Protein backbone atom coordinates (compact mmCIF):
# COMPACT_ATOMS: atom_id res chain seq x y z
CA MET A 1 33.40 41.73 -96.16
CA GLN A 2 34.89 43.60 -93.24
CA GLU A 3 31.43 44.35 -91.96
CA TYR A 4 30.48 40.61 -91.88
CA SER A 5 33.67 39.88 -89.90
CA LEU A 6 32.88 42.63 -87.49
CA ILE A 7 29.25 41.19 -86.88
CA THR A 8 30.45 37.78 -86.56
CA LEU A 9 32.89 38.90 -83.85
CA LEU A 10 30.25 40.74 -81.94
CA LEU A 11 27.80 37.75 -82.14
CA PHE A 12 30.66 35.50 -80.85
CA GLN A 13 31.23 37.83 -78.04
CA LEU A 14 27.55 37.80 -77.18
CA PHE A 15 27.55 33.95 -77.36
CA LEU A 16 30.36 33.86 -75.04
CA ILE A 17 28.86 36.44 -72.38
CA PHE A 18 25.62 34.14 -72.40
CA PHE A 19 27.68 30.89 -72.33
CA ARG A 20 29.51 32.26 -69.25
CA ILE A 21 26.31 33.24 -67.53
CA GLY A 22 24.72 29.74 -68.16
CA ALA A 23 27.82 28.03 -67.23
CA PHE A 24 28.52 29.68 -63.73
CA THR A 25 25.04 30.50 -62.64
CA PHE A 26 23.30 27.75 -60.53
CA GLY A 27 19.53 27.86 -59.77
CA GLY A 28 17.85 29.01 -63.09
CA GLY A 29 16.63 32.14 -64.66
CA TYR A 30 15.89 34.16 -61.70
CA VAL A 31 19.58 33.84 -60.33
CA MET A 32 20.95 35.24 -63.66
CA ILE A 33 18.88 38.37 -63.62
CA PRO A 34 21.58 40.37 -61.79
CA ILE A 35 24.22 38.93 -63.79
CA ILE A 36 22.38 39.58 -66.87
CA GLN A 37 21.92 43.20 -65.88
CA HIS A 38 25.80 43.55 -64.96
CA GLU A 39 27.14 42.01 -68.14
CA ILE A 40 24.70 43.79 -70.61
CA SER A 41 24.10 47.03 -69.09
CA GLU A 42 26.88 47.88 -66.63
CA LYS A 43 29.91 46.06 -68.10
CA HIS A 44 29.37 46.07 -71.88
CA LYS A 45 26.74 48.76 -71.90
CA LEU A 46 24.81 47.00 -74.64
CA ILE A 47 21.40 47.98 -73.45
CA GLU A 48 20.14 50.80 -70.97
CA GLU A 49 19.32 49.44 -67.58
CA ASP A 50 15.69 50.60 -67.76
CA GLU A 51 15.13 48.84 -71.19
CA LEU A 52 16.73 45.69 -69.95
CA SER A 53 14.61 45.66 -66.71
CA GLU A 54 11.59 45.87 -69.02
CA MET A 55 12.89 43.09 -71.34
CA LEU A 56 13.57 40.77 -68.13
CA VAL A 57 10.19 41.43 -66.76
CA LEU A 58 8.61 40.49 -70.24
CA ALA A 59 10.83 37.20 -70.37
CA GLN A 60 9.56 36.27 -66.90
CA SER A 61 5.84 36.53 -68.05
CA LEU A 62 6.43 34.55 -71.23
CA PRO A 63 6.02 30.71 -71.08
CA GLY A 64 9.26 28.93 -71.27
CA ILE A 65 12.63 28.99 -69.46
CA MET A 66 13.30 32.51 -68.22
CA ALA A 67 16.98 32.43 -68.93
CA VAL A 68 16.41 31.40 -72.55
CA ASN A 69 13.55 34.01 -72.91
CA ALA A 70 15.73 36.73 -71.65
CA ALA A 71 18.73 35.65 -73.69
CA THR A 72 16.74 35.59 -76.70
CA SER A 73 15.13 39.02 -76.25
CA VAL A 74 18.39 40.55 -75.71
CA GLY A 75 20.09 38.96 -78.76
CA TYR A 76 17.02 39.89 -80.80
CA LYS A 77 17.20 43.53 -79.57
CA LEU A 78 20.90 43.62 -80.58
CA TYR A 79 21.18 41.61 -83.82
CA GLY A 80 17.55 40.36 -84.90
CA LYS A 81 17.14 36.73 -85.45
CA LYS A 82 20.72 35.63 -85.56
CA GLY A 83 21.31 37.33 -82.32
CA ALA A 84 18.36 35.60 -80.66
CA ILE A 85 19.54 32.35 -81.76
CA ILE A 86 23.17 32.80 -80.69
CA CYS A 87 22.31 34.06 -77.16
CA ALA A 88 19.72 31.43 -76.78
CA LEU A 89 22.33 28.56 -77.54
CA GLY A 90 24.97 30.47 -75.48
CA VAL A 91 22.90 30.40 -72.24
CA ALA A 92 21.38 26.93 -72.72
CA LEU A 93 24.38 24.93 -74.02
CA PRO A 94 26.38 24.96 -70.61
CA SER A 95 23.38 23.36 -68.67
CA PHE A 96 22.97 20.68 -71.51
CA LEU A 97 26.62 19.95 -71.44
CA ILE A 98 26.91 19.86 -67.66
CA ILE A 99 23.74 17.49 -67.31
CA VAL A 100 25.20 15.06 -69.85
CA LEU A 101 28.52 15.09 -68.20
CA LEU A 102 27.44 14.68 -64.60
CA ALA A 103 24.15 12.55 -64.88
CA GLY A 104 25.85 9.35 -64.52
CA LEU A 105 27.84 10.45 -61.53
CA ILE A 106 25.06 12.05 -59.85
CA LEU A 107 22.96 8.69 -60.17
CA ARG A 108 25.89 6.60 -59.01
CA TYR A 109 26.92 8.79 -55.82
CA ASN A 110 23.48 10.10 -54.83
CA ASP A 111 23.60 8.46 -51.53
CA ASN A 112 27.01 10.36 -50.79
CA PRO A 113 26.58 12.72 -47.72
CA HIS A 114 29.19 14.91 -49.14
CA LEU A 115 27.31 15.41 -52.38
CA GLN A 116 24.12 15.91 -50.40
CA GLY A 117 25.74 18.47 -48.38
CA ALA A 118 26.94 20.37 -51.58
CA PHE A 119 23.49 20.42 -52.96
CA GLN A 120 22.01 21.74 -49.75
CA TRP A 121 24.65 24.50 -50.04
CA VAL A 122 23.73 25.09 -53.59
CA ARG A 123 20.23 25.49 -52.60
CA ALA A 124 20.82 27.99 -50.00
CA THR A 125 23.07 29.96 -52.24
CA VAL A 126 20.20 29.97 -55.02
CA VAL A 127 17.60 31.34 -52.40
CA GLY A 128 20.31 34.35 -51.57
CA MET A 129 20.68 35.09 -55.20
CA ILE A 130 17.08 35.02 -56.15
CA ALA A 131 16.43 37.31 -52.94
CA ALA A 132 19.10 39.70 -54.34
CA ALA A 133 17.65 39.78 -57.66
CA ALA A 134 14.17 40.60 -56.27
CA LEU A 135 15.65 43.51 -54.32
CA LYS A 136 17.59 44.93 -57.16
CA MET A 137 14.61 44.80 -59.52
CA GLY A 138 12.01 45.70 -56.93
CA LYS A 139 13.57 48.84 -55.56
CA PRO A 140 12.50 51.01 -58.36
CA CYS A 141 8.91 49.75 -58.23
CA LEU A 142 8.44 50.61 -54.66
CA ARG A 143 7.48 54.19 -54.70
CA ASN A 144 4.77 54.52 -52.19
CA LYS A 145 3.04 52.73 -49.13
CA MET A 146 0.39 51.02 -51.43
CA GLN A 147 2.99 49.32 -53.59
CA ILE A 148 5.26 48.34 -50.59
CA GLY A 149 1.98 47.06 -48.79
CA LEU A 150 1.18 44.88 -51.97
CA VAL A 151 4.65 43.40 -52.06
CA LEU A 152 4.43 42.48 -48.29
CA ALA A 153 1.10 40.91 -48.65
CA ALA A 154 2.24 38.92 -51.57
CA LEU A 155 5.34 37.86 -49.61
CA LEU A 156 3.16 36.94 -46.59
CA PHE A 157 0.71 34.86 -48.78
CA ALA A 158 3.60 33.09 -50.42
CA ILE A 159 5.15 32.27 -47.02
CA ILE A 160 1.87 30.94 -45.43
CA ASP A 161 1.05 29.15 -48.73
CA VAL A 162 -2.33 30.44 -49.24
């Protein structure tokens, strides 16, 4: 009975970690990457950073929402199917609740210049957070001039929209 309580407590802790990540991260899954890495690898030391990086790369390559894929794979690694479900719910539930609560207000006050300014600020912040995540995840991959050249070429093609 005591073992069941401990697992329930650990699953609840994992749910709270991903709920917090989902609630306080704007901009989608790519913005969540450094926060997931910090919470799971650095702060709670649940999964080694190298292994988590591989899991996040896999989550990005799978179809579906990157944040949910990442949360699901972390949960599955730690506690199997129950962990996968708990983490996926944890990361998705805040967005669902926020959308339900704010949808009417956003539609009603969409023409407000203060609201439009706030959304522009959020967009700029998201770009910065995605750039930070790309740098953090990309540093270990850039080991020689060829790899650096490929990254710069991809960046150039993305900018000029080829």
